[in-house]
N, C-alpha and C. Protein backbone atom coordinates (compact mmCIF):
# COMPACT_ATOMS: atom_id res chain seq x y z
N UNK A 1 1.03 41.78 -89.15
CA UNK A 1 0.27 40.21 -89.28
C UNK A 1 -0.29 40.34 -87.90
N UNK A 2 -1.21 39.50 -88.02
CA UNK A 2 -2.08 39.27 -86.66
C UNK A 2 -1.73 38.44 -85.97
N UNK A 3 -1.96 38.38 -84.79
CA UNK A 3 -1.17 37.95 -83.35
C UNK A 3 -1.55 36.41 -83.69
N UNK A 4 -0.45 35.82 -82.95
CA UNK A 4 -1.09 34.15 -82.80
C UNK A 4 -0.26 33.64 -83.90
N UNK A 5 -0.10 34.30 -85.52
CA UNK A 5 0.44 33.38 -86.41
C UNK A 5 1.54 33.18 -86.60
N UNK A 6 1.55 31.82 -87.31
CA UNK A 6 2.85 31.06 -87.28
C UNK A 6 3.95 31.83 -88.35
N UNK A 7 4.99 32.11 -88.09
CA UNK A 7 5.32 31.98 -89.49
C UNK A 7 6.92 31.54 -89.62
N UNK A 8 7.71 30.69 -90.22
CA UNK A 8 8.76 30.22 -89.89
C UNK A 8 9.15 29.66 -88.80
N UNK A 9 8.11 28.56 -88.41
CA UNK A 9 8.33 28.01 -87.17
C UNK A 9 8.06 28.67 -85.68
N UNK A 10 8.21 29.98 -86.18
CA UNK A 10 8.18 30.80 -84.59
C UNK A 10 6.60 31.16 -84.48
N UNK A 11 5.97 31.11 -83.15
CA UNK A 11 4.81 32.29 -82.41
C UNK A 11 5.20 33.36 -82.57
N UNK A 12 4.59 34.07 -83.28
CA UNK A 12 4.01 35.60 -83.05
C UNK A 12 3.23 35.71 -82.64
N UNK A 13 3.31 36.93 -81.62
CA UNK A 13 2.31 36.68 -80.39
C UNK A 13 2.26 38.09 -79.54
N UNK A 14 1.37 38.72 -78.90
CA UNK A 14 1.01 39.84 -78.70
C UNK A 14 2.02 40.23 -77.38
N UNK A 15 3.01 41.47 -76.87
CA UNK A 15 3.73 40.90 -75.71
C UNK A 15 2.94 40.65 -74.40
N UNK A 16 3.54 39.95 -73.48
CA UNK A 16 2.80 39.23 -72.58
C UNK A 16 2.26 40.70 -71.53
N UNK A 17 1.10 40.23 -71.31
CA UNK A 17 0.63 41.20 -70.33
C UNK A 17 1.74 40.85 -68.84
N UNK A 18 1.51 42.17 -67.73
CA UNK A 18 2.07 41.91 -66.87
C UNK A 18 2.06 40.72 -65.64
N UNK A 19 0.57 40.51 -65.86
CA UNK A 19 0.01 39.32 -65.33
C UNK A 19 0.03 37.63 -65.93
N UNK A 20 0.35 38.17 -67.30
CA UNK A 20 0.67 36.62 -67.96
C UNK A 20 1.76 36.29 -67.71
N UNK A 21 1.84 34.66 -67.44
CA UNK A 21 3.47 33.92 -67.91
C UNK A 21 3.19 32.72 -68.33
N UNK A 22 3.85 31.56 -68.94
CA UNK A 22 4.29 30.96 -69.27
C UNK A 22 3.97 29.66 -68.21
N UNK A 23 4.65 30.45 -67.16
CA UNK A 23 4.60 29.56 -66.12
C UNK A 23 3.64 29.26 -65.33
N UNK A 24 3.01 28.16 -65.06
CA UNK A 24 2.45 27.97 -63.51
C UNK A 24 3.03 28.09 -62.41
N UNK A 25 2.00 29.02 -61.25
CA UNK A 25 2.85 29.26 -60.06
C UNK A 25 1.67 28.78 -59.22
N UNK A 26 2.09 28.01 -58.12
CA UNK A 26 3.80 28.16 -57.25
C UNK A 26 4.42 26.65 -58.32
N UNK A 27 5.66 26.73 -58.91
CA UNK A 27 6.53 25.93 -59.43
C UNK A 27 7.94 25.83 -59.05
N UNK A 28 8.33 24.83 -59.14
CA UNK A 28 10.11 24.89 -59.11
C UNK A 28 10.61 24.94 -60.37
N UNK A 29 11.69 26.20 -59.57
CA UNK A 29 12.59 26.91 -61.10
C UNK A 29 14.07 26.53 -60.83
N UNK A 30 14.81 26.30 -61.76
CA UNK A 30 16.24 26.34 -61.70
C UNK A 30 16.83 27.34 -62.40
N UNK A 31 17.66 27.92 -61.15
CA UNK A 31 18.38 29.51 -61.80
C UNK A 31 19.92 29.02 -61.68
N UNK A 32 20.63 29.16 -62.61
CA UNK A 32 21.78 28.87 -62.74
C UNK A 32 22.74 30.20 -62.51
N UNK A 33 23.59 30.20 -61.53
CA UNK A 33 24.44 31.42 -61.48
C UNK A 33 25.83 31.22 -61.51
N UNK A 34 26.74 32.09 -62.05
CA UNK A 34 28.42 32.24 -62.33
C UNK A 34 28.84 33.06 -61.54
N UNK A 35 29.98 32.89 -61.15
CA UNK A 35 31.12 33.60 -60.52
C UNK A 35 32.36 33.21 -60.41
N UNK A 36 33.46 33.96 -59.94
CA UNK A 36 34.93 33.52 -59.81
C UNK A 36 34.95 32.59 -58.07
N UNK A 37 35.53 31.79 -58.79
CA UNK A 37 35.48 30.84 -57.23
C UNK A 37 36.31 31.20 -55.81
N UNK A 38 37.33 32.77 -56.19
CA UNK A 38 38.02 33.39 -54.75
C UNK A 38 36.90 34.38 -54.36
N UNK A 39 36.01 35.01 -55.12
CA UNK A 39 35.29 35.95 -54.38
C UNK A 39 34.09 35.66 -53.54
N UNK A 40 34.06 34.89 -53.05
CA UNK A 40 32.90 34.86 -51.70
C UNK A 40 31.54 34.62 -52.38
N UNK A 41 31.49 34.44 -53.71
CA UNK A 41 30.77 34.44 -54.57
C UNK A 41 29.28 33.56 -54.37
N UNK A 42 29.85 32.39 -53.72
CA UNK A 42 28.52 30.89 -53.02
C UNK A 42 27.78 31.72 -52.22
N UNK A 43 28.39 32.02 -51.04
CA UNK A 43 27.91 32.46 -50.24
C UNK A 43 26.87 33.91 -50.41
N UNK A 44 27.53 34.93 -51.27
CA UNK A 44 26.73 36.12 -51.64
C UNK A 44 25.58 35.06 -52.48
N UNK A 45 25.65 34.78 -53.02
CA UNK A 45 24.29 34.38 -53.89
C UNK A 45 23.65 33.93 -52.97
N UNK A 46 24.07 33.12 -52.23
CA UNK A 46 22.66 31.75 -51.38
C UNK A 46 22.05 33.29 -50.58
N UNK A 47 22.99 34.29 -50.01
CA UNK A 47 21.86 35.09 -49.38
C UNK A 47 21.00 35.69 -50.19
N UNK A 48 21.37 36.40 -51.29
CA UNK A 48 20.67 36.77 -51.98
C UNK A 48 19.28 35.93 -51.92
N UNK A 49 19.60 34.39 -52.53
CA UNK A 49 18.25 33.68 -52.92
C UNK A 49 17.39 33.51 -51.57
N UNK A 50 18.08 33.40 -50.75
CA UNK A 50 17.70 33.28 -49.21
C UNK A 50 16.92 34.38 -48.84
N UNK A 51 16.88 35.61 -49.49
CA UNK A 51 16.55 36.65 -49.06
C UNK A 51 15.00 36.97 -49.91
N UNK A 52 15.17 36.63 -51.26
CA UNK A 52 13.80 36.27 -52.11
C UNK A 52 12.82 35.32 -51.87
N UNK A 53 13.42 33.86 -51.38
CA UNK A 53 12.86 32.41 -50.92
C UNK A 53 12.99 32.27 -50.11
N UNK A 54 12.62 32.92 -48.74
CA UNK A 54 13.22 32.59 -47.44
C UNK A 54 12.97 30.98 -46.95
N UNK A 55 12.11 30.39 -47.66
CA UNK A 55 12.28 28.94 -47.15
C UNK A 55 13.36 27.80 -47.60
N UNK A 56 14.06 28.59 -48.65
CA UNK A 56 15.14 27.94 -49.56
C UNK A 56 16.20 27.09 -48.84
N UNK A 57 16.06 25.48 -48.72
CA UNK A 57 16.90 24.71 -48.48
C UNK A 57 18.01 24.32 -49.65
N UNK A 58 18.83 24.59 -48.63
CA UNK A 58 20.40 23.96 -49.29
C UNK A 58 20.44 23.01 -49.90
N UNK A 59 19.93 21.87 -50.07
CA UNK A 59 19.56 20.56 -50.57
C UNK A 59 18.95 21.02 -51.54
N UNK A 60 18.41 22.10 -52.58
CA UNK A 60 18.27 22.48 -53.72
C UNK A 60 18.51 23.00 -54.51
N UNK A 61 20.26 22.92 -53.89
CA UNK A 61 21.62 24.13 -54.31
C UNK A 61 22.73 22.66 -54.79
N UNK A 62 23.19 23.14 -56.20
CA UNK A 62 24.32 22.21 -56.66
C UNK A 62 25.25 23.16 -57.22
N UNK A 63 26.58 23.14 -56.82
CA UNK A 63 27.51 23.47 -56.96
C UNK A 63 28.88 22.89 -58.22
N UNK A 64 29.54 23.59 -59.00
CA UNK A 64 30.28 22.95 -59.97
C UNK A 64 31.36 23.75 -60.27
N UNK A 65 32.40 23.18 -60.03
CA UNK A 65 34.09 24.23 -60.48
C UNK A 65 34.08 24.32 -61.72
N UNK A 66 34.41 24.77 -62.05
CA UNK A 66 35.70 24.80 -63.85
C UNK A 66 36.33 24.31 -63.52
N UNK A 67 36.90 23.62 -64.87
CA UNK A 67 37.85 22.71 -65.33
C UNK A 67 38.88 23.16 -64.54
N UNK A 68 39.78 24.58 -63.89
CA UNK A 68 41.07 24.91 -63.88
C UNK A 68 40.50 25.55 -62.09
N UNK A 69 39.15 25.28 -61.80
CA UNK A 69 38.75 26.09 -60.32
C UNK A 69 38.56 27.67 -59.95
N UNK A 70 38.78 27.97 -61.29
CA UNK A 70 38.77 29.42 -61.05
C UNK A 70 37.31 30.07 -61.06
N UNK A 71 36.28 29.11 -61.68
CA UNK A 71 34.91 29.68 -61.36
C UNK A 71 33.96 28.74 -61.11
N UNK A 72 33.05 29.07 -60.67
CA UNK A 72 32.09 28.03 -60.22
C UNK A 72 30.54 28.65 -60.18
N UNK A 73 29.27 27.48 -60.95
CA UNK A 73 28.09 27.81 -61.60
C UNK A 73 27.70 26.92 -60.33
N UNK A 74 26.71 27.74 -59.17
CA UNK A 74 25.75 27.10 -58.54
C UNK A 74 24.12 26.95 -59.31
N UNK A 75 23.55 26.02 -59.00
CA UNK A 75 22.21 25.80 -59.50
C UNK A 75 21.33 25.78 -58.78
N UNK A 76 20.20 27.08 -58.50
CA UNK A 76 19.49 26.65 -56.99
C UNK A 76 18.11 26.69 -58.05
N UNK A 77 17.40 25.24 -57.40
CA UNK A 77 15.97 25.14 -57.41
C UNK A 77 14.92 25.72 -56.43
N UNK A 78 14.48 26.89 -57.14
CA UNK A 78 14.00 27.60 -55.73
C UNK A 78 12.11 27.34 -56.52
N UNK A 79 11.87 27.03 -55.59
CA UNK A 79 10.19 27.21 -55.23
C UNK A 79 9.52 28.48 -55.09
N UNK A 80 9.09 29.15 -56.30
CA UNK A 80 8.41 30.65 -56.30
C UNK A 80 7.13 30.18 -56.48
N UNK A 81 6.43 31.49 -55.47
CA UNK A 81 4.97 31.38 -55.96
C UNK A 81 4.56 32.91 -57.14
N UNK A 82 4.92 33.39 -58.09
CA UNK A 82 4.52 34.37 -58.72
C UNK A 82 6.05 34.72 -59.96
N UNK A 83 5.46 35.42 -60.87
CA UNK A 83 6.84 35.75 -61.80
C UNK A 83 7.01 36.94 -60.81
N UNK A 84 6.52 37.95 -60.49
CA UNK A 84 7.05 38.93 -59.66
C UNK A 84 8.56 38.17 -58.55
N UNK A 85 8.26 37.63 -58.36
CA UNK A 85 9.07 36.88 -57.31
C UNK A 85 10.24 36.14 -57.81
N UNK A 86 10.04 35.90 -59.01
CA UNK A 86 11.16 35.36 -59.70
C UNK A 86 11.91 36.40 -60.65
N UNK A 87 11.30 37.38 -61.12
CA UNK A 87 11.79 38.63 -61.27
C UNK A 87 12.81 39.45 -60.95
N UNK A 88 12.21 39.42 -59.32
CA UNK A 88 12.63 40.20 -58.35
C UNK A 88 14.34 39.31 -57.92
N UNK A 89 14.19 38.19 -57.79
CA UNK A 89 15.06 37.32 -57.24
C UNK A 89 16.06 37.42 -58.68
N UNK A 90 15.79 37.46 -59.74
CA UNK A 90 16.90 37.68 -60.96
C UNK A 90 17.59 38.90 -60.89
N UNK A 91 17.15 40.07 -60.84
CA UNK A 91 17.15 41.35 -60.62
C UNK A 91 18.29 41.23 -59.36
N UNK A 92 18.21 41.08 -58.08
CA UNK A 92 18.94 40.85 -56.66
C UNK A 92 20.19 40.33 -57.45
N UNK A 93 20.18 39.14 -58.09
CA UNK A 93 21.40 38.88 -58.31
C UNK A 93 22.33 39.29 -59.41
N UNK A 94 21.64 39.87 -60.55
CA UNK A 94 22.22 40.39 -61.62
C UNK A 94 22.79 41.69 -60.72
N UNK A 95 22.39 42.49 -60.13
CA UNK A 95 23.15 43.54 -59.40
C UNK A 95 24.14 42.88 -58.46
N UNK A 96 24.66 41.71 -57.98
CA UNK A 96 25.62 41.70 -57.50
C UNK A 96 26.65 41.53 -58.15
N UNK A 97 27.82 42.26 -57.43
CA UNK A 97 28.82 42.77 -58.30
C UNK A 97 29.78 41.22 -58.44
N UNK A 98 29.59 40.21 -57.63
CA UNK A 98 30.56 38.69 -57.62
C UNK A 98 29.70 37.92 -58.29
N UNK A 99 28.28 38.10 -59.02
CA UNK A 99 27.94 37.34 -59.98
C UNK A 99 28.39 38.26 -61.32
N UNK A 100 28.86 36.89 -62.26
CA UNK A 100 29.29 37.33 -63.76
C UNK A 100 27.62 36.82 -64.21
N UNK A 101 26.91 35.68 -64.39
CA UNK A 101 26.04 35.32 -65.11
C UNK A 101 24.84 34.80 -64.20
N UNK A 102 23.44 34.86 -64.96
CA UNK A 102 22.41 34.33 -64.77
C UNK A 102 22.24 33.81 -65.79
N UNK A 103 21.57 32.29 -65.20
CA UNK A 103 20.90 31.91 -66.49
C UNK A 103 19.66 31.47 -65.78
């Protein structure tokens, strides 16, 4: 099948090149991170975000506890300047043992 051909409602395309991205940078990007409430997860995740986005402000952070309070989801809306920066942030968050999931 030729690149760019639409089949069954899906766009089949060639693999993205390293420099290509559907995002236009710089941009604000929400990242949802989940972990156990009792693990110090929120502080660890914030530290990782600030490592990769040094000017991150906590005003751009929203936390929500699960129904029983065992888990916490935190959404960080980060201003990223490149796909590489965003990829590094995802890798940093997923490498943290206190982080259960990153979306």
